[in-house]
Protein backbone atom coordinates (compact mmCIF):
# COMPACT_ATOMS: atom_id res chain seq x y z
CA MET A 1 34.59 -48.16 -35.76
CA ASP A 2 36.82 -45.36 -33.27
CA TRP A 3 37.90 -42.12 -34.92
CA PRO A 4 41.42 -41.10 -34.15
CA THR A 5 40.86 -38.19 -31.72
CA SER A 6 43.38 -35.23 -32.86
CA PRO A 7 44.83 -33.26 -29.46
CA LYS A 8 44.72 -29.77 -30.77
CA LEU A 9 41.04 -30.76 -31.45
CA LEU A 10 40.81 -32.06 -27.99
CA LEU A 11 42.70 -29.00 -26.85
CA LEU A 12 40.51 -26.83 -29.29
CA VAL A 13 37.22 -27.80 -27.59
CA TRP A 14 38.48 -27.62 -23.90
CA LEU A 15 39.41 -23.75 -24.75
CA SER A 16 36.04 -23.21 -26.25
CA GLN A 17 34.11 -24.98 -22.77
CA LEU A 18 36.90 -22.85 -20.47
CA SER A 19 35.78 -19.51 -22.82
CA LEU A 20 31.87 -20.16 -22.72
CA SER A 21 32.36 -21.26 -18.74
CA VAL A 22 34.26 -17.88 -18.08
CA LEU A 23 32.03 -15.83 -19.96
CA ALA A 24 28.87 -16.98 -18.19
CA ASP A 25 30.87 -16.46 -14.84
CA SER A 26 31.27 -12.54 -16.03
CA ARG A 27 28.40 -11.70 -16.62
CA PRO A 28 26.70 -8.89 -14.32
CA PRO A 29 24.10 -9.80 -12.08
CA HIS A 30 20.38 -9.06 -12.53
CA VAL A 31 19.51 -5.83 -10.43
CA ILE A 32 16.45 -6.33 -8.17
CA GLY A 33 15.38 -2.36 -7.36
CA VAL A 34 13.66 -2.90 -3.23
CA PHE A 35 11.49 0.13 -1.99
CA GLU A 36 13.50 1.73 0.22
CA GLY A 37 11.81 3.22 3.49
CA ILE A 38 10.29 0.50 4.98
CA ASP A 39 13.15 -1.25 6.61
CA ARG A 40 11.38 -3.47 8.82
CA GLU A 41 8.83 -4.62 6.08
CA ILE A 42 12.03 -5.52 3.22
CA ALA A 43 15.49 -4.28 3.06
CA VAL A 44 18.45 -5.11 1.95
CA GLU A 45 21.23 -6.14 4.57
CA ASN A 46 24.88 -7.63 3.66
CA GLY A 47 23.34 -7.98 0.26
CA GLU A 48 20.60 -9.87 1.27
CA LEU A 49 16.54 -9.52 1.93
CA VAL A 50 15.27 -8.78 5.26
CA GLY A 51 12.44 -7.94 7.08
CA ARG A 52 8.80 -9.57 7.79
CA PHE A 53 8.22 -9.80 3.79
CA ALA A 54 11.59 -11.43 2.91
CA PRO A 55 10.73 -14.85 3.31
CA TYR A 56 8.31 -14.80 0.40
CA TYR A 57 11.12 -13.00 -1.80
CA GLN A 58 13.81 -15.79 -0.03
CA CYS A 59 11.73 -18.53 -1.26
CA VAL A 60 11.17 -17.27 -5.17
CA PHE A 61 14.56 -16.36 -5.94
CA SER A 62 16.27 -19.36 -3.79
CA ARG A 63 14.24 -21.14 -6.93
CA VAL A 64 16.05 -19.80 -9.73
CA GLU A 65 19.26 -20.01 -11.11
CA SER A 66 20.62 -16.65 -11.52
CA ASP A 67 23.02 -14.41 -9.71
CA PHE A 68 20.52 -10.91 -8.16
CA GLN A 69 21.71 -8.32 -7.12
CA PHE A 70 19.11 -6.46 -4.46
CA VAL A 71 19.82 -2.80 -4.59
CA GLU A 72 17.21 -0.41 -2.40
CA MET A 73 15.73 2.59 -4.35
CA PRO A 74 12.77 4.99 -4.06
CA LEU A 75 9.79 4.02 -5.63
CA ALA A 76 9.55 6.95 -8.16
CA GLN A 77 13.05 5.55 -9.30
CA MET A 78 12.53 2.13 -9.33
CA LEU A 79 9.41 2.62 -11.62
CA TYR A 80 11.48 4.50 -13.68
CA ARG A 81 14.50 2.32 -14.20
CA LEU A 82 11.86 -1.15 -14.84
CA GLU A 83 10.22 1.00 -17.67
CA LYS A 84 14.08 2.23 -19.21
CA GLY A 85 15.63 -1.49 -18.54
CA GLY A 86 17.53 -0.30 -15.67
CA ILE A 87 17.02 -3.12 -13.40
CA PHE A 88 15.47 -6.45 -14.59
CA ALA A 89 12.75 -6.34 -11.86
CA GLY A 90 11.35 -4.54 -8.52
CA LEU A 91 9.57 -5.39 -5.56
CA PRO A 92 7.40 -5.19 -3.55
CA MET A 93 4.94 -3.81 -5.87
CA VAL A 94 1.06 -3.99 -6.63
CA GLN A 95 -0.34 -4.70 -10.27
CA THR A 96 -1.63 -1.36 -11.80
CA ALA A 97 -2.32 -0.96 -15.70
CA GLU A 98 0.63 1.78 -16.45
CA ARG A 99 3.24 -0.78 -15.06
CA ASP A 100 1.61 -3.23 -17.14
CA GLU A 101 3.13 -1.56 -20.14
CA TYR A 102 6.33 -1.45 -19.64
CA ALA A 103 6.82 -4.60 -17.31
CA ASP A 104 5.57 -8.04 -16.49
CA PHE A 105 3.25 -8.51 -13.06
CA GLY A 106 4.87 -11.76 -11.21
CA GLY A 107 1.39 -13.03 -10.31
CA LEU A 108 -0.19 -13.25 -6.56
CA LEU A 109 2.89 -13.90 -4.03
CA PHE A 110 0.82 -12.53 -0.84
CA GLN A 111 -1.73 -9.65 0.09
CA THR A 112 -1.53 -6.90 2.76
CA GLU A 113 -3.85 -4.48 3.74
CA TYR A 114 -3.55 -1.15 3.03
CA VAL A 115 -5.70 1.60 5.00
CA TYR A 116 -6.71 5.27 5.41
CA LEU A 117 -4.88 6.72 8.29
CA LEU A 118 -6.65 9.83 10.12
CA LEU A 119 -6.17 11.80 13.10
CA HIS A 120 -10.24 12.57 13.22
CA ASP A 121 -13.09 10.13 13.21
CA LEU A 122 -14.47 11.33 9.90
CA PRO A 123 -17.63 10.44 8.70
CA PRO A 124 -17.50 7.98 5.75
CA LEU A 125 -14.76 9.49 3.14
CA ASP A 126 -17.03 9.38 -0.06
CA SER A 127 -19.41 12.04 1.68
CA LEU A 128 -17.07 14.53 1.97
CA SER A 129 -14.90 17.25 -0.25
CA GLY A 130 -11.59 18.49 -0.41
CA LEU A 131 -9.74 15.89 1.89
CA ARG A 132 -6.16 16.19 1.03
CA PHE A 133 -4.77 13.05 0.85
CA ALA A 134 -0.93 12.23 1.20
CA PHE A 135 1.12 9.14 0.14
CA VAL A 136 4.54 8.09 -1.40
CA ARG A 137 4.55 9.89 -5.03
CA GLN A 138 3.89 6.70 -7.43
CA PHE A 139 2.15 5.18 -5.08
CA VAL A 140 -1.17 3.35 -5.87
CA GLY A 141 -3.14 5.66 -3.68
CA ASP A 142 -4.39 7.50 -6.05
CA LYS A 143 -6.39 4.22 -7.06
CA LEU A 144 -7.81 4.95 -3.35
CA LEU A 145 -9.06 8.86 -3.11
CA ARG A 146 -12.44 9.27 -1.84
CA GLY A 147 -14.86 11.85 -1.74
CA ALA A 148 -15.41 15.16 -4.12
CA ASP A 149 -12.52 17.12 -5.40
CA PRO A 150 -9.71 15.27 -3.61
CA VAL A 151 -6.45 17.13 -3.02
CA VAL A 152 -2.93 15.05 -3.27
CA ILE A 153 -0.17 16.13 -1.95
CA PRO A 154 2.52 13.30 -3.17
CA VAL A 155 5.79 13.14 -0.97
CA SER A 156 9.18 11.27 -0.93
CA ASP A 157 8.97 8.73 1.78
CA TRP A 158 6.15 7.38 4.75
CA SER A 159 7.51 9.37 6.90
CA GLN A 160 6.81 12.78 5.54
CA ALA A 161 3.37 11.69 4.68
CA VAL A 162 2.34 10.75 8.62
CA GLU A 163 4.64 13.92 9.94
CA MET A 164 2.49 16.08 7.73
CA LEU A 165 -0.80 14.41 9.20
CA LYS A 166 -0.09 14.79 12.50
CA ARG A 167 1.01 18.78 12.10
CA GLY A 168 -2.75 19.00 10.08
CA ARG A 169 -1.19 19.79 7.07
CA VAL A 170 -3.55 16.95 5.83
CA ASP A 171 -6.37 14.85 6.35
CA VAL A 172 -5.85 11.27 5.24
CA VAL A 173 -2.08 8.97 4.51
CA VAL A 174 -3.02 6.46 2.50
CA LEU A 175 -0.63 3.49 3.45
CA PRO A 176 0.11 -0.22 4.13
CA TRP A 177 -1.32 -1.01 7.66
CA VAL A 178 2.01 -2.97 8.54
CA LEU A 179 3.74 0.61 8.79
CA ILE A 180 0.84 2.04 11.29
CA ASP A 181 2.34 1.17 14.76
CA PHE A 182 6.23 1.99 13.53
CA TYR A 183 4.94 5.18 12.38
CA MET A 184 2.73 6.10 15.19
CA LYS A 185 4.73 4.62 18.12
CA GLY A 186 5.03 7.18 20.92
CA PHE A 187 2.29 9.30 19.14
CA ASP A 188 -0.19 9.78 22.41
CA GLN A 189 -3.46 11.41 20.79
CA PRO A 190 -6.29 9.45 19.27
CA TYR A 191 -6.27 8.01 15.68
CA TYR A 192 -8.03 5.73 13.30
CA ASP A 193 -7.66 3.95 10.20
CA ARG A 194 -9.81 2.13 7.87
CA THR A 195 -9.46 -0.33 5.32
CA ALA A 196 -8.77 1.52 2.14
CA ALA A 197 -8.03 -2.49 0.01
CA TRP A 198 -6.72 -5.56 -0.04
CA VAL A 199 -3.76 -5.52 -2.60
CA ASP A 200 -1.71 -8.81 -4.00
CA LEU A 201 2.06 -7.81 -3.51
CA SER A 202 4.61 -9.61 -6.21
CA MET A 203 7.40 -7.94 -7.86
CA TYR A 204 7.12 -6.29 -11.72
CA ILE A 205 9.71 -7.61 -14.28
CA SER A 206 11.14 -5.23 -17.24
CA HIS A 207 9.91 -5.68 -20.34
CA ARG A 208 13.25 -4.90 -21.84
CA ALA A 209 14.97 -7.50 -20.07
CA GLU A 210 17.08 -10.06 -21.74
CA ASP A 211 16.50 -12.82 -19.54
CA GLY A 212 16.48 -16.34 -21.58
CA GLY A 213 13.53 -17.50 -19.89
CA LEU A 214 14.09 -16.13 -16.43
CA THR A 215 11.05 -14.28 -15.99
CA GLU A 216 8.30 -17.40 -16.63
CA ASN A 217 11.04 -19.32 -14.58
CA LEU A 218 10.58 -16.74 -11.15
CA ARG A 219 6.76 -16.94 -11.95
CA LYS A 220 6.83 -20.71 -11.26
CA ALA A 221 8.87 -19.99 -8.44
CA ILE A 222 6.16 -17.29 -7.22
CA ARG A 223 3.18 -19.85 -7.75
CA LYS A 224 5.18 -22.16 -5.63
CA CYS A 225 6.01 -20.31 -3.00
CA ARG A 226 2.18 -19.04 -3.21
CA PHE A 227 1.82 -22.13 -2.65
CA ILE A 228 3.86 -22.93 0.34
CA ALA A 229 2.71 -19.73 1.70
CA GLU A 230 -0.95 -21.12 1.81
CA GLN A 231 0.37 -24.66 3.72
CA ASN A 232 2.01 -22.11 6.41
CA GLN A 233 -0.39 -19.69 6.75
CA GLY A 234 -0.28 -19.39 10.27
CA SER A 235 3.61 -18.26 10.25
CA TRP A 236 3.49 -16.71 6.63
CA GLU A 237 1.30 -14.64 6.73
CA CYS A 238 -0.30 -13.55 10.91
CA VAL A 239 2.10 -10.42 10.36
CA PHE A 240 0.14 -9.06 7.44
CA ARG A 241 -3.58 -9.06 8.88
CA ARG A 242 -5.37 -7.38 11.40
CA THR A 243 -5.41 -9.48 14.63
């Protein structure tokens, strides 16, 4: 039996659906912090991710139905805002126990090499004492210290760390290998690098984020994009490895 439908009821249903649609469209985008100061590797240009790491993250975000706003910021600020819920996620980042306390690691997306950059061909670092290390504030370099009684000099960006090395104010800079040629370009004296660690890079998603399943959707997208990267290793990963 067909029940008559009141025009007023139809209007009410239509207005309710319209209100829900307007509400969804009015929600602010999820803010994604992007580690500033490594523009060649990852940066934001005209609202989009650019740089050599960008294809990995573009792959991920293109597979998730939501609005994202990418904002460059220093690492220390990004970690603080992740902890307080001021941003939804941050990238590119490696996993640490401290960060796990307030954010979810997205899972391996790709790997890169961290190195010790030196101006002198020193003996094994573990055999030395009092080495002065420089790296970006709240970077994972403190996990890579070597030797007895190391001295840590935190800086605001990589260029400052490398400049301190060139001026003899530190002995070792810990940084991603992919940044060496950029920061040492034009330097006409010998320099050396040694592998510190291979690390998994991905993103961290704040525990305070109200995501309605978005965290798990990002995790699924990361796994999918990692698979795609493995199938296209020659074109995606060659820039992160030594030749």
